[in-house]
Amino acid sequence: MAYYSVLAVTPTDDSWIPDYLPVAGPIIERHGGKYLARTTSHEQLEGEPTTAGLRIILEWPSEAAAKAFMSDPEYTPQLAKRHAGSVSEHFLIEGKDDLA
């Protein structure tokens, strides 16, 4: 079953971004993930206002694949750089409909 990572990332220091992008992409692909959206073009339609500089949606083949990516020894230094240079929220969502 597919899983989706939904992230809100607001950089506080852009210096990590140029090195992050070329490293993270191949690691994501190695774990079977793919970007569905990676954009600054987003609009909040409901709820209390929240801000994010960037919204990202990734698709994973499984929960295990998403979690393996997050703990991949090649990725963890990049994750630390993202955490140090941004405010980030990351949700992992199972691709199912519990209300159907």
PDB file of N, CA and C in Angstrom:
ATOM      1  N   MET A   1       0.838  -1.180   0.000  1.00  0.00           N
ATOM      2  CA  MET A   1       0.000   0.000   0.000  1.00  0.00           C
ATOM      3  C   MET A   1       0.878   1.236   0.000  1.00  0.00           C
ATOM      4  N   ALA A   2       0.512   2.216  -0.776  1.00  0.00           N
ATOM      5  CA  ALA A   2       1.276   3.457  -0.873  1.00  0.00           C
ATOM      6  C   ALA A   2       1.167   4.266   0.421  1.00  0.00           C
ATOM      7  N   TYR A   3       2.219   4.983   0.702  1.00  0.00           N
ATOM      8  CA  TYR A   3       2.262   5.946   1.795  1.00  0.00           C
ATOM      9  C   TYR A   3       2.727   7.271   1.209  1.00  0.00           C
ATOM     10  N   TYR A   4       2.351   8.350   1.867  1.00  0.00           N
ATOM     11  CA  TYR A   4       2.680   9.686   1.383  1.00  0.00           C
ATOM     12  C   TYR A   4       3.330  10.496   2.501  1.00  0.00           C
ATOM     13  N   SER A   5       4.442  11.124   2.180  1.00  0.00           N
ATOM     14  CA  SER A   5       5.051  12.095   3.079  1.00  0.00           C
ATOM     15  C   SER A   5       4.541  13.462   2.662  1.00  0.00           C
ATOM     16  N   VAL A   6       4.027  14.203   3.628  1.00  0.00           N
ATOM     17  CA  VAL A   6       3.556  15.563   3.387  1.00  0.00           C
ATOM     18  C   VAL A   6       4.354  16.462   4.326  1.00  0.00           C
ATOM     19  N   LEU A   7       5.111  17.369   3.723  1.00  0.00           N
ATOM     20  CA  LEU A   7       5.992  18.227   4.503  1.00  0.00           C
ATOM     21  C   LEU A   7       5.676  19.695   4.292  1.00  0.00           C
ATOM     22  N   ALA A   8       5.883  20.454   5.354  1.00  0.00           N
ATOM     23  CA  ALA A   8       5.869  21.918   5.300  1.00  0.00           C
ATOM     24  C   ALA A   8       7.246  22.351   5.780  1.00  0.00           C
ATOM     25  N   VAL A   9       7.981  23.038   4.922  1.00  0.00           N
ATOM     26  CA  VAL A   9       9.352  23.422   5.235  1.00  0.00           C
ATOM     27  C   VAL A   9       9.517  24.926   5.007  1.00  0.00           C
ATOM     28  N   THR A  10       9.968  25.613   6.038  1.00  0.00           N
ATOM     29  CA  THR A  10      10.268  27.039   5.923  1.00  0.00           C
ATOM     30  C   THR A  10      11.738  27.239   6.257  1.00  0.00           C
ATOM     31  N   PRO A  11      12.562  27.489   5.243  1.00  0.00           N
ATOM     32  CA  PRO A  11      13.989  27.711   5.511  1.00  0.00           C
ATOM     33  C   PRO A  11      14.209  28.937   6.395  1.00  0.00           C
ATOM     34  N   THR A  12      15.113  28.785   7.343  1.00  0.00           N
ATOM     35  CA  THR A  12      15.559  29.905   8.179  1.00  0.00           C
ATOM     36  C   THR A  12      16.975  30.308   7.800  1.00  0.00           C
ATOM     37  N   ASP A  13      17.642  29.422   7.059  1.00  0.00           N
ATOM     38  CA  ASP A  13      18.995  29.641   6.540  1.00  0.00           C
ATOM     39  C   ASP A  13      19.078  28.807   5.264  1.00  0.00           C
ATOM     40  N   ASP A  14      19.185  29.457   4.126  1.00  0.00           N
ATOM     41  CA  ASP A  14      19.154  28.764   2.831  1.00  0.00           C
ATOM     42  C   ASP A  14      20.448  28.025   2.478  1.00  0.00           C
ATOM     43  N   SER A  15      21.475  28.118   3.285  1.00  0.00           N
ATOM     44  CA  SER A  15      22.774  27.580   2.903  1.00  0.00           C
ATOM     45  C   SER A  15      22.781  26.057   2.736  1.00  0.00           C
ATOM     46  N   TRP A  16      21.891  25.337   3.367  1.00  0.00           N
ATOM     47  CA  TRP A  16      21.853  23.876   3.277  1.00  0.00           C
ATOM     48  C   TRP A  16      21.224  23.373   1.982  1.00  0.00           C
ATOM     49  N   ILE A  17      20.413  24.192   1.325  1.00  0.00           N
ATOM     50  CA  ILE A  17      19.592  23.742   0.199  1.00  0.00           C
ATOM     51  C   ILE A  17      20.407  23.276  -1.010  1.00  0.00           C
ATOM     52  N   PRO A  18      21.413  24.023  -1.482  1.00  0.00           N
ATOM     53  CA  PRO A  18      22.132  23.571  -2.681  1.00  0.00           C
ATOM     54  C   PRO A  18      22.774  22.188  -2.534  1.00  0.00           C
ATOM     55  N   ASP A  19      23.279  21.850  -1.354  1.00  0.00           N
ATOM     56  CA  ASP A  19      23.890  20.539  -1.141  1.00  0.00           C
ATOM     57  C   ASP A  19      22.843  19.459  -0.875  1.00  0.00           C
ATOM     58  N   TYR A  20      21.720  19.840  -0.295  1.00  0.00           N
ATOM     59  CA  TYR A  20      20.674  18.883   0.076  1.00  0.00           C
ATOM     60  C   TYR A  20      20.008  18.256  -1.151  1.00  0.00           C
ATOM     61  N   LEU A  21      19.623  19.068  -2.094  1.00  0.00           N
ATOM     62  CA  LEU A  21      18.821  18.589  -3.222  1.00  0.00           C
ATOM     63  C   LEU A  21      19.487  17.482  -4.031  1.00  0.00           C
ATOM     64  N   PRO A  22      20.746  17.617  -4.455  1.00  0.00           N
ATOM     65  CA  PRO A  22      21.331  16.544  -5.262  1.00  0.00           C
ATOM     66  C   PRO A  22      21.635  15.270  -4.473  1.00  0.00           C
ATOM     67  N   VAL A  23      21.734  15.373  -3.163  1.00  0.00           N
ATOM     68  CA  VAL A  23      22.004  14.190  -2.337  1.00  0.00           C
ATOM     69  C   VAL A  23      20.702  13.475  -1.976  1.00  0.00           C
ATOM     70  N   ALA A  24      19.686  14.217  -1.537  1.00  0.00           N
ATOM     71  CA  ALA A  24      18.438  13.604  -1.069  1.00  0.00           C
ATOM     72  C   ALA A  24      17.681  12.902  -2.188  1.00  0.00           C
ATOM     73  N   GLY A  25      17.642  13.494  -3.378  1.00  0.00           N
ATOM     74  CA  GLY A  25      16.876  12.912  -4.485  1.00  0.00           C
ATOM     75  C   GLY A  25      17.238  11.473  -4.802  1.00  0.00           C
ATOM     76  N   PRO A  26      18.515  11.154  -5.025  1.00  0.00           N
ATOM     77  CA  PRO A  26      18.873   9.773  -5.313  1.00  0.00           C
ATOM     78  C   PRO A  26      18.587   8.807  -4.154  1.00  0.00           C
ATOM     79  N   ILE A  27      18.703   9.280  -2.923  1.00  0.00           N
ATOM     80  CA  ILE A  27      18.403   8.417  -1.774  1.00  0.00           C
ATOM     81  C   ILE A  27      16.911   8.134  -1.723  1.00  0.00           C
ATOM     82  N   ILE A  28      16.092   9.144  -1.993  1.00  0.00           N
ATOM     83  CA  ILE A  28      14.643   8.951  -2.065  1.00  0.00           C
ATOM     84  C   ILE A  28      14.320   7.894  -3.111  1.00  0.00           C
ATOM     85  N   GLU A  29      14.898   8.039  -4.300  1.00  0.00           N
ATOM     86  CA  GLU A  29      14.647   7.078  -5.384  1.00  0.00           C
ATOM     87  C   GLU A  29      15.098   5.676  -5.011  1.00  0.00           C
ATOM     88  N   ARG A  30      16.230   5.569  -4.341  1.00  0.00           N
ATOM     89  CA  ARG A  30      16.744   4.259  -3.933  1.00  0.00           C
ATOM     90  C   ARG A  30      15.772   3.527  -3.007  1.00  0.00           C
ATOM     91  N   HIS A  31      14.995   4.294  -2.243  1.00  0.00           N
ATOM     92  CA  HIS A  31      14.015   3.696  -1.331  1.00  0.00           C
ATOM     93  C   HIS A  31      12.631   3.590  -1.975  1.00  0.00           C
ATOM     94  N   GLY A  32      12.562   3.828  -3.272  1.00  0.00           N
ATOM     95  CA  GLY A  32      11.304   3.676  -3.997  1.00  0.00           C
ATOM     96  C   GLY A  32      10.399   4.883  -3.941  1.00  0.00           C
ATOM     97  N   GLY A  33      10.894   5.991  -3.405  1.00  0.00           N
ATOM     98  CA  GLY A  33      10.083   7.199  -3.301  1.00  0.00           C
ATOM     99  C   GLY A  33      10.165   8.054  -4.546  1.00  0.00           C
ATOM    100  N   LYS A  34       9.150   8.903  -4.702  1.00  0.00           N
ATOM    101  CA  LYS A  34       9.181   9.871  -5.796  1.00  0.00           C
ATOM    102  C   LYS A  34       8.440  11.130  -5.369  1.00  0.00           C
ATOM    103  N   TYR A  35       8.949  12.258  -5.862  1.00  0.00           N
ATOM    104  CA  TYR A  35       8.297  13.534  -5.586  1.00  0.00           C
ATOM    105  C   TYR A  35       7.024  13.635  -6.411  1.00  0.00           C
ATOM    106  N   LEU A  36       5.928  14.004  -5.753  1.00  0.00           N
ATOM    107  CA  LEU A  36       4.683  14.331  -6.451  1.00  0.00           C
ATOM    108  C   LEU A  36       4.517  15.836  -6.541  1.00  0.00           C
ATOM    109  N   ALA A  37       5.006  16.542  -5.538  1.00  0.00           N
ATOM    110  CA  ALA A  37       4.962  18.010  -5.530  1.00  0.00           C
ATOM    111  C   ALA A  37       6.108  18.506  -4.662  1.00  0.00           C
ATOM    112  N   ARG A  38       6.709  19.589  -5.113  1.00  0.00           N
ATOM    113  CA  ARG A  38       7.780  20.257  -4.373  1.00  0.00           C
ATOM    114  C   ARG A  38       7.709  21.707  -4.823  1.00  0.00           C
ATOM    115  N   THR A  39       6.946  22.522  -4.055  1.00  0.00           N
ATOM    116  CA  THR A  39       6.587  23.824  -4.594  1.00  0.00           C
ATOM    117  C   THR A  39       6.419  24.906  -3.527  1.00  0.00           C
ATOM    118  N   THR A  40       6.656  26.117  -3.962  1.00  0.00           N
ATOM    119  CA  THR A  40       6.338  27.288  -3.139  1.00  0.00           C
ATOM    120  C   THR A  40       4.937  27.793  -3.465  1.00  0.00           C
ATOM    121  N   SER A  41       4.298  27.216  -4.480  1.00  0.00           N
ATOM    122  CA  SER A  41       2.943  27.626  -4.889  1.00  0.00           C
ATOM    123  C   SER A  41       1.914  26.776  -4.158  1.00  0.00           C
ATOM    124  N   HIS A  42       1.393  27.317  -3.072  1.00  0.00           N
ATOM    125  CA  HIS A  42       0.379  26.609  -2.304  1.00  0.00           C
ATOM    126  C   HIS A  42      -0.509  27.631  -1.602  1.00  0.00           C
ATOM    127  N   GLU A  43      -1.720  27.214  -1.323  1.00  0.00           N
ATOM    128  CA  GLU A  43      -2.706  28.103  -0.710  1.00  0.00           C
ATOM    129  C   GLU A  43      -3.471  27.323   0.343  1.00  0.00           C
ATOM    130  N   GLN A  44      -3.588  27.870   1.530  1.00  0.00           N
ATOM    131  CA  GLN A  44      -4.358  27.243   2.593  1.00  0.00           C
ATOM    132  C   GLN A  44      -5.823  27.605   2.417  1.00  0.00           C
ATOM    133  N   LEU A  45      -6.691  26.606   2.367  1.00  0.00           N
ATOM    134  CA  LEU A  45      -8.116  26.831   2.147  1.00  0.00           C
ATOM    135  C   LEU A  45      -8.952  26.720   3.417  1.00  0.00           C
ATOM    136  N   GLU A  46      -8.434  26.058   4.444  1.00  0.00           N
ATOM    137  CA  GLU A  46      -9.193  25.884   5.682  1.00  0.00           C
ATOM    138  C   GLU A  46      -8.269  25.940   6.885  1.00  0.00           C
ATOM    139  N   GLY A  47      -8.865  26.167   8.052  1.00  0.00           N
ATOM    140  CA  GLY A  47      -8.149  26.078   9.314  1.00  0.00           C
ATOM    141  C   GLY A  47      -7.448  27.357   9.718  1.00  0.00           C
ATOM    142  N   GLU A  48      -6.841  27.268  10.906  1.00  0.00           N
ATOM    143  CA  GLU A  48      -6.060  28.393  11.410  1.00  0.00           C
ATOM    144  C   GLU A  48      -4.881  28.623  10.473  1.00  0.00           C
ATOM    145  N   PRO A  49      -4.590  29.867  10.179  1.00  0.00           N
ATOM    146  CA  PRO A  49      -3.496  30.148   9.245  1.00  0.00           C
ATOM    147  C   PRO A  49      -2.160  29.565   9.713  1.00  0.00           C
ATOM    148  N   THR A  50      -1.516  28.884   8.800  1.00  0.00           N
ATOM    149  CA  THR A  50      -0.163  28.394   9.024  1.00  0.00           C
ATOM    150  C   THR A  50       0.666  28.814   7.815  1.00  0.00           C
ATOM    151  N   THR A  51       1.931  28.982   8.035  1.00  0.00           N
ATOM    152  CA  THR A  51       2.786  29.389   6.931  1.00  0.00           C
ATOM    153  C   THR A  51       3.841  28.320   6.699  1.00  0.00           C
ATOM    154  N   ALA A  52       4.258  28.217   5.485  1.00  0.00           N
ATOM    155  CA  ALA A  52       5.383  27.358   5.109  1.00  0.00           C
ATOM    156  C   ALA A  52       5.939  27.907   3.811  1.00  0.00           C
ATOM    157  N   GLY A  53       7.234  27.936   3.711  1.00  0.00           N
ATOM    158  CA  GLY A  53       7.846  28.415   2.490  1.00  0.00           C
ATOM    159  C   GLY A  53       7.703  27.422   1.349  1.00  0.00           C
ATOM    160  N   LEU A  54       7.639  26.151   1.709  1.00  0.00           N
ATOM    161  CA  LEU A  54       7.654  25.091   0.709  1.00  0.00           C
ATOM    162  C   LEU A  54       6.767  23.949   1.182  1.00  0.00           C
ATOM    163  N   ARG A  55       5.988  23.403   0.276  1.00  0.00           N
ATOM    164  CA  ARG A  55       5.182  22.199   0.554  1.00  0.00           C
ATOM    165  C   ARG A  55       5.710  21.089  -0.344  1.00  0.00           C
ATOM    166  N   ILE A  56       5.865  19.911   0.257  1.00  0.00           N
ATOM    167  CA  ILE A  56       6.435  18.765  -0.454  1.00  0.00           C
ATOM    168  C   ILE A  56       5.544  17.559  -0.228  1.00  0.00           C
ATOM    169  N   ILE A  57       5.283  16.818  -1.295  1.00  0.00           N
ATOM    170  CA  ILE A  57       4.555  15.555  -1.196  1.00  0.00           C
ATOM    171  C   ILE A  57       5.385  14.492  -1.905  1.00  0.00           C
ATOM    172  N   LEU A  58       5.670  13.421  -1.180  1.00  0.00           N
ATOM    173  CA  LEU A  58       6.396  12.281  -1.734  1.00  0.00           C
ATOM    174  C   LEU A  58       5.511  11.051  -1.650  1.00  0.00           C
ATOM    175  N   GLU A  59       5.626  10.178  -2.622  1.00  0.00           N
ATOM    176  CA  GLU A  59       4.919   8.899  -2.593  1.00  0.00           C
ATOM    177  C   GLU A  59       5.936   7.796  -2.327  1.00  0.00           C
ATOM    178  N   TRP A  60       5.574   6.866  -1.436  1.00  0.00           N
ATOM    179  CA  TRP A  60       6.414   5.731  -1.075  1.00  0.00           C
ATOM    180  C   TRP A  60       5.664   4.434  -1.363  1.00  0.00           C
ATOM    181  N   PRO A  61       6.371   3.367  -1.694  1.00  0.00           N
ATOM    182  CA  PRO A  61       5.695   2.094  -1.939  1.00  0.00           C
ATOM    183  C   PRO A  61       5.184   1.437  -0.660  1.00  0.00           C
ATOM    184  N   SER A  62       5.715   1.853   0.490  1.00  0.00           N
ATOM    185  CA  SER A  62       5.308   1.257   1.766  1.00  0.00           C
ATOM    186  C   SER A  62       5.744   2.152   2.921  1.00  0.00           C
ATOM    187  N   GLU A  63       5.187   1.883   4.084  1.00  0.00           N
ATOM    188  CA  GLU A  63       5.608   2.579   5.298  1.00  0.00           C
ATOM    189  C   GLU A  63       7.080   2.283   5.582  1.00  0.00           C
ATOM    190  N   ALA A  64       7.464   1.023   5.403  1.00  0.00           N
ATOM    191  CA  ALA A  64       8.845   0.614   5.667  1.00  0.00           C
ATOM    192  C   ALA A  64       9.828   1.390   4.787  1.00  0.00           C
ATOM    193  N   ALA A  65       9.470   1.602   3.525  1.00  0.00           N
ATOM    194  CA  ALA A  65      10.354   2.341   2.615  1.00  0.00           C
ATOM    195  C   ALA A  65      10.543   3.773   3.089  1.00  0.00           C
ATOM    196  N   ALA A  66       9.463   4.426   3.506  1.00  0.00           N
ATOM    197  CA  ALA A  66       9.552   5.807   3.991  1.00  0.00           C
ATOM    198  C   ALA A  66      10.432   5.892   5.232  1.00  0.00           C
ATOM    199  N   LYS A  67      10.235   4.971   6.149  1.00  0.00           N
ATOM    200  CA  LYS A  67      11.015   4.992   7.385  1.00  0.00           C
ATOM    201  C   LYS A  67      12.466   4.593   7.148  1.00  0.00           C
ATOM    202  N   ALA A  68      12.699   3.702   6.188  1.00  0.00           N
ATOM    203  CA  ALA A  68      14.081   3.341   5.843  1.00  0.00           C
ATOM    204  C   ALA A  68      14.807   4.549   5.269  1.00  0.00           C
ATOM    205  N   PHE A  69      14.117   5.340   4.451  1.00  0.00           N
ATOM    206  CA  PHE A  69      14.718   6.560   3.924  1.00  0.00           C
ATOM    207  C   PHE A  69      15.103   7.490   5.065  1.00  0.00           C
ATOM    208  N   MET A  70      14.178   7.714   5.990  1.00  0.00           N
ATOM    209  CA  MET A  70      14.440   8.657   7.073  1.00  0.00           C
ATOM    210  C   MET A  70      15.613   8.232   7.952  1.00  0.00           C
ATOM    211  N   SER A  71      15.867   6.934   8.048  1.00  0.00           N
ATOM    212  CA  SER A  71      16.967   6.458   8.891  1.00  0.00           C
ATOM    213  C   SER A  71      18.199   6.043   8.083  1.00  0.00           C
ATOM    214  N   ASP A  72      18.176   6.270   6.778  1.00  0.00           N
ATOM    215  CA  ASP A  72      19.305   5.909   5.921  1.00  0.00           C
ATOM    216  C   ASP A  72      20.548   6.683   6.378  1.00  0.00           C
ATOM    217  N   PRO A  73      21.662   5.987   6.638  1.00  0.00           N
ATOM    218  CA  PRO A  73      22.873   6.672   7.106  1.00  0.00           C
ATOM    219  C   PRO A  73      23.395   7.743   6.144  1.00  0.00           C
ATOM    220  N   GLU A  74      23.097   7.613   4.859  1.00  0.00           N
ATOM    221  CA  GLU A  74      23.517   8.654   3.915  1.00  0.00           C
ATOM    222  C   GLU A  74      22.609   9.871   3.990  1.00  0.00           C
ATOM    223  N   TYR A  75      21.359   9.666   4.430  1.00  0.00           N
ATOM    224  CA  TYR A  75      20.413  10.780   4.501  1.00  0.00           C
ATOM    225  C   TYR A  75      20.472  11.517   5.843  1.00  0.00           C
ATOM    226  N   THR A  76      20.753  10.822   6.931  1.00  0.00           N
ATOM    227  CA  THR A  76      20.657  11.461   8.249  1.00  0.00           C
ATOM    228  C   THR A  76      21.488  12.740   8.376  1.00  0.00           C
ATOM    229  N   PRO A  77      22.687  12.860   7.760  1.00  0.00           N
ATOM    230  CA  PRO A  77      23.376  14.160   7.835  1.00  0.00           C
ATOM    231  C   PRO A  77      22.616  15.268   7.094  1.00  0.00           C
ATOM    232  N   GLN A  78      21.952  14.915   5.992  1.00  0.00           N
ATOM    233  CA  GLN A  78      21.157  15.895   5.254  1.00  0.00           C
ATOM    234  C   GLN A  78      19.940  16.322   6.074  1.00  0.00           C
ATOM    235  N   LEU A  79      19.318  15.358   6.743  1.00  0.00           N
ATOM    236  CA  LEU A  79      18.178  15.659   7.608  1.00  0.00           C
ATOM    237  C   LEU A  79      18.599  16.616   8.716  1.00  0.00           C
ATOM    238  N   ALA A  80      19.761  16.363   9.301  1.00  0.00           N
ATOM    239  CA  ALA A  80      20.257  17.256  10.359  1.00  0.00           C
ATOM    240  C   ALA A  80      20.468  18.670   9.827  1.00  0.00           C
ATOM    241  N   LYS A  81      20.992  18.791   8.604  1.00  0.00           N
ATOM    242  CA  LYS A  81      21.177  20.113   8.000  1.00  0.00           C
ATOM    243  C   LYS A  81      19.836  20.794   7.751  1.00  0.00           C
ATOM    244  N   ARG A  82      18.839  20.013   7.269  1.00  0.00           N
ATOM    245  CA  ARG A  82      17.506  20.599   7.042  1.00  0.00           C
ATOM    246  C   ARG A  82      16.907  21.065   8.351  1.00  0.00           C
ATOM    247  N   HIS A  83      17.032  20.260   9.393  1.00  0.00           N
ATOM    248  CA  HIS A  83      16.489  20.654  10.698  1.00  0.00           C
ATOM    249  C   HIS A  83      17.179  21.908  11.238  1.00  0.00           C
ATOM    250  N   ALA A  84      18.487  21.992  11.029  1.00  0.00           N
ATOM    251  CA  ALA A  84      19.228  23.154  11.528  1.00  0.00           C
ATOM    252  C   ALA A  84      18.899  24.423  10.746  1.00  0.00           C
ATOM    253  N   GLY A  85      18.523  24.273   9.469  1.00  0.00           N
ATOM    254  CA  GLY A  85      18.307  25.442   8.623  1.00  0.00           C
ATOM    255  C   GLY A  85      16.874  25.690   8.234  1.00  0.00           C
ATOM    256  N   SER A  86      15.924  25.062   8.943  1.00  0.00           N
ATOM    257  CA  SER A  86      14.518  25.278   8.595  1.00  0.00           C
ATOM    258  C   SER A  86      13.614  24.904   9.770  1.00  0.00           C
ATOM    259  N   VAL A  87      12.379  25.327   9.636  1.00  0.00           N
ATOM    260  CA  VAL A  87      11.304  24.831  10.487  1.00  0.00           C
ATOM    261  C   VAL A  87      10.550  23.852   9.613  1.00  0.00           C
ATOM    262  N   SER A  88      10.470  22.591  10.056  1.00  0.00           N
ATOM    263  CA  SER A  88       9.881  21.548   9.219  1.00  0.00           C
ATOM    264  C   SER A  88       8.852  20.735   9.987  1.00  0.00           C
ATOM    265  N   GLU A  89       7.802  20.369   9.279  1.00  0.00           N
ATOM    266  CA  GLU A  89       6.811  19.405   9.775  1.00  0.00           C
ATOM    267  C   GLU A  89       6.696  18.319   8.723  1.00  0.00           C
ATOM    268  N   HIS A  90       6.646  17.069   9.166  1.00  0.00           N
ATOM    269  CA  HIS A  90       6.596  15.933   8.240  1.00  0.00           C
ATOM    270  C   HIS A  90       5.548  14.957   8.744  1.00  0.00           C
ATOM    271  N   PHE A  91       4.566  14.691   7.912  1.00  0.00           N
ATOM    272  CA  PHE A  91       3.529  13.718   8.224  1.00  0.00           C
ATOM    273  C   PHE A  91       3.652  12.555   7.260  1.00  0.00           C
ATOM    274  N   LEU A  92       3.544  11.325   7.777  1.00  0.00           N
ATOM    275  CA  LEU A  92       3.506  10.131   6.942  1.00  0.00           C
ATOM    276  C   LEU A  92       2.068   9.635   6.953  1.00  0.00           C
ATOM    277  N   ILE A  93       1.471   9.540   5.763  1.00  0.00           N
ATOM    278  CA  ILE A  93       0.047   9.240   5.637  1.00  0.00           C
ATOM    279  C   ILE A  93      -0.139   7.963   4.838  1.00  0.00           C
ATOM    280  N   GLU A  94      -0.884   7.030   5.417  1.00  0.00           N
ATOM    281  CA  GLU A  94      -1.199   5.789   4.715  1.00  0.00           C
ATOM    282  C   GLU A  94      -2.211   6.072   3.623  1.00  0.00           C
ATOM    283  N   GLY A  95      -1.985   5.529   2.435  1.00  0.00           N
ATOM    284  CA  GLY A  95      -2.859   5.782   1.289  1.00  0.00           C
ATOM    285  C   GLY A  95      -4.100   4.901   1.312  1.00  0.00           C
ATOM    286  N   LYS A  96      -4.966   5.133   2.295  1.00  0.00           N
ATOM    287  CA  LYS A  96      -6.201   4.367   2.399  1.00  0.00           C
ATOM    288  C   LYS A  96      -7.324   5.274   2.860  1.00  0.00           C
ATOM    289  N   ASP A  97      -8.534   4.801   2.718  1.00  0.00           N
ATOM    290  CA  ASP A  97      -9.707   5.562   3.132  1.00  0.00           C
ATOM    291  C   ASP A  97     -10.390   4.821   4.276  1.00  0.00           C
ATOM    292  N   ASP A  98     -10.154   5.280   5.503  1.00  0.00           N
ATOM    293  CA  ASP A  98     -10.748   4.654   6.683  1.00  0.00           C
ATOM    294  C   ASP A  98     -12.253   4.886   6.777  1.00  0.00           C
ATOM    295  N   LEU A  99     -12.774   5.796   6.001  1.00  0.00           N
ATOM    296  CA  LEU A  99     -14.201   6.129   6.094  1.00  0.00           C
ATOM    297  C   LEU A  99     -15.036   5.489   4.984  1.00  0.00           C
ATOM    298  N   ALA A 100     -14.396   4.768   4.111  1.00  0.00           N
ATOM    299  CA  ALA A 100     -15.131   4.126   2.996  1.00  0.00           C
ATOM    300  C   ALA A 100     -15.879   2.905   3.486  1.00  0.00           C
TER     301      ALA A 100
END
